[in-house]
């Protein structure tokens, strides 16, 4: 059976078009894949004109694009790429079951378009679409950052996030289990070298910029700040910017988080916001339980284990 990957192009207002490609290394022709990589590098050059990246989708190993979801934003008039997000898909296990985690990945926005809300669009919309594709089952996700604005955005958008200013230490069993697996097997996803240490009590990666992401290292003064000072204060207090530390955040995308994201991006007075809320409510109250019950190839908590195929 041929796998159907997510491919979507749509207008997002303000003269911009958005394109999402799931697993481009598997879903695109070699020529189309080369063009996509060229668009990613074109955006990167606007952000790092004197630097270079050598990890994830920018690394020499093209197979990294087999396990990525790429979101690109283009200028609708010139067709030039102006922003992107590269999500990574990571295989881990939790409570004895294999799961696929989303890593929020690298976001870059042309400096000329900063301040127009593109980062939040790039981080959240693709995650919500993947959530819907997975029949609205909760999706575990991770994020690695030293940028206070991103640190706060992730904490406020998703559920059960650790760490946050409200909980700066002592992660839950799930957070601790997932962070250990990510650091043991998936450092290449976010460009962290083998010599970087991990403080799992605070979920801080020490000396994180040694695995291909060197040119992304920032000072605290140059890192974009969040509108709420609690996130800025926590980053300044817990991270050593001279050494190059990062937070490893782990959270969950569920129905409540998806609705919260749509309400913030669309705005409560707009038709898209209202339509999105009604659709989510209908899925939650009527359609979702039926879909979950009949999809017996998927586990449903304590009510039903995953069906084991016959030999």
Protein backbone atom coordinates (compact mmCIF):
# COMPACT_ATOMS: atom_id res chain seq x y z
CA UNK A 1 0.00 0.00 0.00
CA UNK A 2 1.37 3.44 -0.94
CA UNK A 3 1.84 5.78 2.03
CA UNK A 4 0.10 9.13 1.68
CA UNK A 5 2.23 11.93 3.08
CA UNK A 6 1.01 15.37 4.04
CA UNK A 7 1.50 17.89 1.23
CA UNK A 8 -0.30 21.19 1.51
CA UNK A 9 -0.04 24.67 0.00
CA UNK A 10 -2.28 27.54 1.10
CA UNK A 11 -2.40 31.28 1.51
CA UNK A 12 -1.85 32.63 5.01
CA UNK A 13 -2.72 36.25 4.32
CA UNK A 14 -0.53 39.34 4.12
CA UNK A 15 0.84 38.32 0.72
CA UNK A 16 2.30 35.03 1.93
CA UNK A 17 1.84 31.39 0.97
CA UNK A 18 2.61 28.40 3.16
CA UNK A 19 3.83 25.00 2.00
CA UNK A 20 4.04 21.85 4.16
CA UNK A 21 5.83 18.68 3.02
CA UNK A 22 5.91 15.57 5.20
CA UNK A 23 8.99 13.35 4.87
CA UNK A 24 10.29 15.09 1.72
CA UNK A 25 13.13 12.60 1.36
CA UNK A 26 10.52 9.91 0.69
CA UNK A 27 7.71 11.92 -0.89
CA UNK A 28 9.55 14.16 -3.39
CA UNK A 29 11.47 13.42 -6.57
CA UNK A 30 15.27 14.04 -6.44
CA UNK A 31 14.83 17.26 -8.45
CA UNK A 32 12.04 18.56 -6.21
CA UNK A 33 14.06 17.64 -3.11
CA UNK A 34 17.06 19.60 -4.38
CA UNK A 35 14.82 22.61 -5.00
CA UNK A 36 13.41 22.35 -1.47
CA UNK A 37 16.90 22.20 0.03
CA UNK A 38 17.81 25.26 -2.02
CA UNK A 39 14.85 27.16 -0.57
CA UNK A 40 15.89 26.22 2.97
CA UNK A 41 19.43 27.44 2.40
CA UNK A 42 18.17 30.67 0.80
CA UNK A 43 16.29 31.52 4.01
CA UNK A 44 19.28 30.49 6.16
CA UNK A 45 21.55 32.87 4.24
CA UNK A 46 19.34 35.82 5.18
CA UNK A 47 19.74 34.93 8.87
CA UNK A 48 23.36 33.72 8.91
CA UNK A 49 25.07 35.49 5.99
CA UNK A 50 28.56 34.69 7.32
CA UNK A 51 27.79 31.38 8.97
CA UNK A 52 26.75 27.87 8.07
CA UNK A 53 24.88 24.95 9.62
CA UNK A 54 25.88 21.31 9.43
CA UNK A 55 23.18 19.33 11.19
CA UNK A 56 19.64 18.09 10.62
CA UNK A 57 18.25 19.01 7.20
CA UNK A 58 21.42 20.99 6.44
CA UNK A 59 23.78 18.10 7.10
CA UNK A 60 25.50 15.92 4.51
CA UNK A 61 23.22 12.99 5.37
CA UNK A 62 20.23 13.55 3.07
CA UNK A 63 18.31 10.78 4.84
CA UNK A 64 17.55 13.29 7.60
CA UNK A 65 14.84 14.58 5.26
CA UNK A 66 13.20 11.14 5.38
CA UNK A 67 12.19 11.87 8.98
CA UNK A 68 11.33 15.57 8.73
CA UNK A 69 8.28 17.72 8.15
CA UNK A 70 9.23 20.93 6.35
CA UNK A 71 7.11 24.08 6.52
CA UNK A 72 8.12 26.91 4.16
CA UNK A 73 6.62 30.38 3.80
CA UNK A 74 6.95 32.17 0.44
CA UNK A 75 6.34 35.70 -0.72
CA UNK A 76 3.22 35.25 -2.87
CA UNK A 77 4.33 37.90 -5.35
CA UNK A 78 8.01 37.09 -5.86
CA UNK A 79 7.79 33.36 -4.96
CA UNK A 80 10.93 33.84 -2.83
CA UNK A 81 11.20 31.73 0.36
CA UNK A 82 11.14 33.93 3.47
CA UNK A 83 10.82 31.54 6.44
CA UNK A 84 10.85 27.86 7.34
CA UNK A 85 10.50 25.32 10.13
CA UNK A 86 12.04 21.85 10.02
CA UNK A 87 10.21 19.48 12.36
CA UNK A 88 11.91 16.17 13.11
CA UNK A 89 10.17 12.85 13.77
CA UNK A 90 11.87 10.80 16.51
CA UNK A 91 11.21 7.19 17.54
CA UNK A 92 11.13 6.75 21.33
CA UNK A 93 9.21 4.63 23.84
CA UNK A 94 7.01 5.54 26.79
CA UNK A 95 5.32 3.22 29.28
CA UNK A 96 6.56 0.23 27.30
CA UNK A 97 5.07 1.40 23.99
CA UNK A 98 6.89 2.81 20.96
CA UNK A 99 5.76 6.33 20.05
CA UNK A 100 6.77 8.93 17.50
CA UNK A 101 7.71 12.29 18.97
CA UNK A 102 7.80 15.62 17.17
CA UNK A 103 10.83 17.83 17.68
CA UNK A 104 9.92 21.44 16.94
CA UNK A 105 13.20 21.90 15.14
CA UNK A 106 14.87 24.90 13.61
CA UNK A 107 12.86 28.01 12.71
CA UNK A 108 14.34 30.78 10.59
CA UNK A 109 12.60 33.96 9.43
CA UNK A 110 13.98 36.55 7.03
CA UNK A 111 14.90 39.55 9.26
CA UNK A 112 12.80 41.80 7.02
CA UNK A 113 9.64 39.91 8.08
CA UNK A 114 10.25 39.54 11.79
CA UNK A 115 7.52 40.80 14.07
CA UNK A 116 4.70 39.53 11.82
CA UNK A 117 3.89 36.41 13.85
CA UNK A 118 5.55 33.95 11.49
CA UNK A 119 7.41 32.06 14.21
CA UNK A 120 4.19 31.14 16.01
CA UNK A 121 2.59 30.17 12.69
CA UNK A 122 5.54 27.96 11.77
CA UNK A 123 5.80 26.30 15.17
CA UNK A 124 2.12 25.59 15.71
CA UNK A 125 0.14 25.11 12.51
CA UNK A 126 2.04 22.08 11.21
CA UNK A 127 1.85 20.44 14.64
CA UNK A 128 -1.93 20.93 14.73
CA UNK A 129 -2.33 19.42 11.25
CA UNK A 130 -0.26 16.39 12.24
CA UNK A 131 -2.37 16.11 15.39
CA UNK A 132 -5.53 16.02 13.26
CA UNK A 133 -3.96 13.47 10.90
CA UNK A 134 -3.31 11.23 13.92
CA UNK A 135 -7.02 11.20 14.76
CA UNK A 136 -6.46 13.78 17.52
CA UNK A 137 -4.49 11.44 19.74
CA UNK A 138 -2.11 13.36 22.03
CA UNK A 139 1.30 13.97 20.44
CA UNK A 140 4.45 14.24 22.55
CA UNK A 141 6.90 16.90 21.40
CA UNK A 142 10.26 18.41 22.31
CA UNK A 143 12.06 21.69 21.81
CA UNK A 144 15.67 22.80 22.35
CA UNK A 145 16.28 26.54 22.75
CA UNK A 146 18.13 29.31 24.58
CA UNK A 147 15.82 32.02 23.16
CA UNK A 148 13.45 33.39 25.83
CA UNK A 149 10.74 34.24 23.28
CA UNK A 150 10.67 30.65 21.98
CA UNK A 151 10.99 29.17 25.47
CA UNK A 152 7.90 31.09 26.58
CA UNK A 153 5.94 30.45 23.40
CA UNK A 154 6.34 26.67 23.78
CA UNK A 155 5.44 26.81 27.48
CA UNK A 156 2.25 28.76 26.75
CA UNK A 157 1.15 26.90 23.62
CA UNK A 158 1.46 23.25 24.60
CA UNK A 159 0.37 21.18 27.62
CA UNK A 160 2.37 19.51 30.41
CA UNK A 161 5.53 21.36 29.39
CA UNK A 162 8.70 21.00 31.45
CA UNK A 163 10.65 23.09 32.33
CA UNK A 164 8.72 26.32 32.88
CA UNK A 165 9.02 29.17 35.43
CA UNK A 166 6.32 27.41 37.49
CA UNK A 167 8.33 24.18 37.51
CA UNK A 168 12.04 24.75 36.99
CA UNK A 169 13.27 21.45 38.46
CA UNK A 170 12.21 17.88 39.30
CA UNK A 171 10.72 16.56 36.03
CA UNK A 172 8.00 13.91 35.97
CA UNK A 173 8.79 10.28 35.15
CA UNK A 174 7.60 10.76 31.55
CA UNK A 175 9.70 13.89 31.04
CA UNK A 176 12.78 12.24 32.51
CA UNK A 177 12.31 9.05 30.46
CA UNK A 178 11.85 10.88 27.17
CA UNK A 179 14.68 13.35 27.74
CA UNK A 180 17.10 10.50 28.45
CA UNK A 181 16.19 8.78 25.17
CA UNK A 182 16.43 12.01 23.19
CA UNK A 183 19.88 12.80 24.54
CA UNK A 184 21.08 9.21 24.03
CA UNK A 185 19.82 8.69 20.48
CA UNK A 186 18.71 11.93 18.82
CA UNK A 187 21.32 14.62 19.49
CA UNK A 188 21.94 14.94 15.73
CA UNK A 189 18.40 16.29 15.31
CA UNK A 190 19.28 19.57 17.07
CA UNK A 191 23.02 19.75 16.47
CA UNK A 192 24.33 18.86 19.95
CA UNK A 193 27.71 17.13 20.13
CA UNK A 194 28.53 13.98 22.08
CA UNK A 195 30.61 15.99 24.57
CA UNK A 196 27.64 18.08 25.76
CA UNK A 197 26.43 17.18 29.25
CA UNK A 198 22.80 17.05 30.33
CA UNK A 199 21.44 18.26 33.66
CA UNK A 200 18.21 16.25 33.74
CA UNK A 201 16.97 17.79 37.02
CA UNK A 202 16.70 21.21 35.30
CA UNK A 203 16.49 19.77 31.75
CA UNK A 204 19.43 21.91 30.62
CA UNK A 205 21.97 20.88 27.97
CA UNK A 206 25.41 22.25 28.89
CA UNK A 207 27.76 23.32 26.09
CA UNK A 208 25.12 22.53 23.47
CA UNK A 209 26.63 24.27 20.42
CA UNK A 210 29.29 21.76 19.40
CA UNK A 211 27.51 19.44 16.96
CA UNK A 212 26.95 21.54 13.84
CA UNK A 213 24.78 24.28 15.33
CA UNK A 214 27.74 26.46 16.36
CA UNK A 215 26.60 29.53 14.42
CA UNK A 216 23.25 29.64 16.24
CA UNK A 217 24.81 30.40 19.63
CA UNK A 218 23.61 33.72 21.06
CA UNK A 219 24.32 36.05 23.92
CA UNK A 220 21.51 36.71 26.38
CA UNK A 221 21.39 40.34 25.23
CA UNK A 222 20.93 39.39 21.56
CA UNK A 223 18.37 36.62 22.11
CA UNK A 224 14.77 37.77 21.39
CA UNK A 225 12.84 38.28 24.60
CA UNK A 226 9.35 37.17 25.61
CA UNK A 227 6.64 39.68 26.48
CA UNK A 228 6.44 38.10 29.97
CA UNK A 229 9.57 38.73 31.98
CA UNK A 230 9.30 35.44 33.90
CA UNK A 231 10.59 33.55 30.87
CA UNK A 232 13.40 36.03 30.26
CA UNK A 233 14.42 35.88 33.92
CA UNK A 234 14.48 32.09 33.97
CA UNK A 235 16.66 31.89 30.85
CA UNK A 236 19.08 34.45 32.26
CA UNK A 237 19.23 32.64 35.61
CA UNK A 238 19.42 28.99 34.50
CA UNK A 239 21.43 29.16 31.25
CA UNK A 240 25.12 29.99 30.84
CA UNK A 241 25.14 31.84 27.52
CA UNK A 242 28.93 32.12 27.47
CA UNK A 243 29.23 28.34 27.58
CA UNK A 244 26.25 27.85 25.28
CA UNK A 245 23.44 26.16 27.25
CA UNK A 246 19.98 25.18 26.04
CA UNK A 247 16.73 24.12 27.65
CA UNK A 248 15.30 20.78 26.50
CA UNK A 249 11.54 21.27 26.78
CA UNK A 250 9.12 18.36 26.56
CA UNK A 251 5.35 18.75 26.32
CA UNK A 252 2.21 17.47 24.70
CA UNK A 253 -0.14 18.60 21.94
CA UNK A 254 -3.72 17.60 22.75
CA UNK A 255 -7.23 18.89 22.06
CA UNK A 256 -7.00 21.68 24.62
CA UNK A 257 -3.63 22.88 23.32
CA UNK A 258 -4.83 22.76 19.70
CA UNK A 259 -7.86 24.87 20.55
CA UNK A 260 -5.72 27.33 22.51
CA UNK A 261 -3.34 27.67 19.58
CA UNK A 262 -6.14 28.33 17.06
CA UNK A 263 -7.77 30.91 19.33
CA UNK A 264 -4.51 32.83 19.68
CA UNK A 265 -3.48 32.74 16.01
CA UNK A 266 -6.84 33.45 14.40
CA UNK A 267 -8.32 35.80 16.98
CA UNK A 268 -11.73 35.32 18.63
CA UNK A 269 -13.56 37.80 16.40
CA UNK A 270 -12.68 36.05 13.16
CA UNK A 271 -14.62 33.41 11.26
CA UNK A 272 -11.65 31.02 11.03
CA UNK A 273 -11.32 31.04 14.81
CA UNK A 274 -15.01 30.27 15.32
CA UNK A 275 -15.02 27.57 12.64
CA UNK A 276 -11.90 25.97 14.10
CA UNK A 277 -13.36 25.92 17.61
CA UNK A 278 -16.62 24.36 16.38
CA UNK A 279 -14.80 21.69 14.40
CA UNK A 280 -12.61 20.82 17.40
CA UNK A 281 -15.66 20.67 19.64
CA UNK A 282 -17.48 18.35 17.21
CA UNK A 283 -14.44 16.07 16.96
CA UNK A 284 -14.06 15.97 20.71
CA UNK A 285 -17.69 15.38 21.61
CA UNK A 286 -19.02 13.11 18.85
CA UNK A 287 -16.67 11.97 16.11
CA UNK A 288 -13.43 11.29 17.95
CA UNK A 289 -14.62 8.50 20.29
CA UNK A 290 -16.13 6.60 17.35
CA UNK A 291 -12.97 6.93 15.25
CA UNK A 292 -10.79 5.79 18.13
CA UNK A 293 -12.99 2.82 18.96
CA UNK A 294 -13.07 1.37 15.42
CA UNK A 295 -9.36 1.97 14.75
CA UNK A 296 -8.38 -1.27 16.49
CA UNK A 297 -4.84 -1.17 15.14
CA UNK A 298 -4.15 1.66 17.61
CA UNK A 299 -4.12 1.42 21.43
CA UNK A 300 -6.69 3.39 23.41
CA UNK A 301 -5.24 3.62 26.91
CA UNK A 302 -6.64 1.14 29.39
CA UNK A 303 -9.77 0.45 27.34
CA UNK A 304 -7.99 -1.46 24.58
CA UNK A 305 -4.42 -2.51 23.82
CA UNK A 306 -3.07 -2.34 20.29
CA UNK A 307 -4.16 -5.25 18.12
CA UNK A 308 -1.35 -7.74 17.50
CA UNK A 309 -1.27 -8.85 13.83
CA UNK A 310 -1.58 -12.59 13.26
CA UNK A 311 1.55 -14.33 11.97
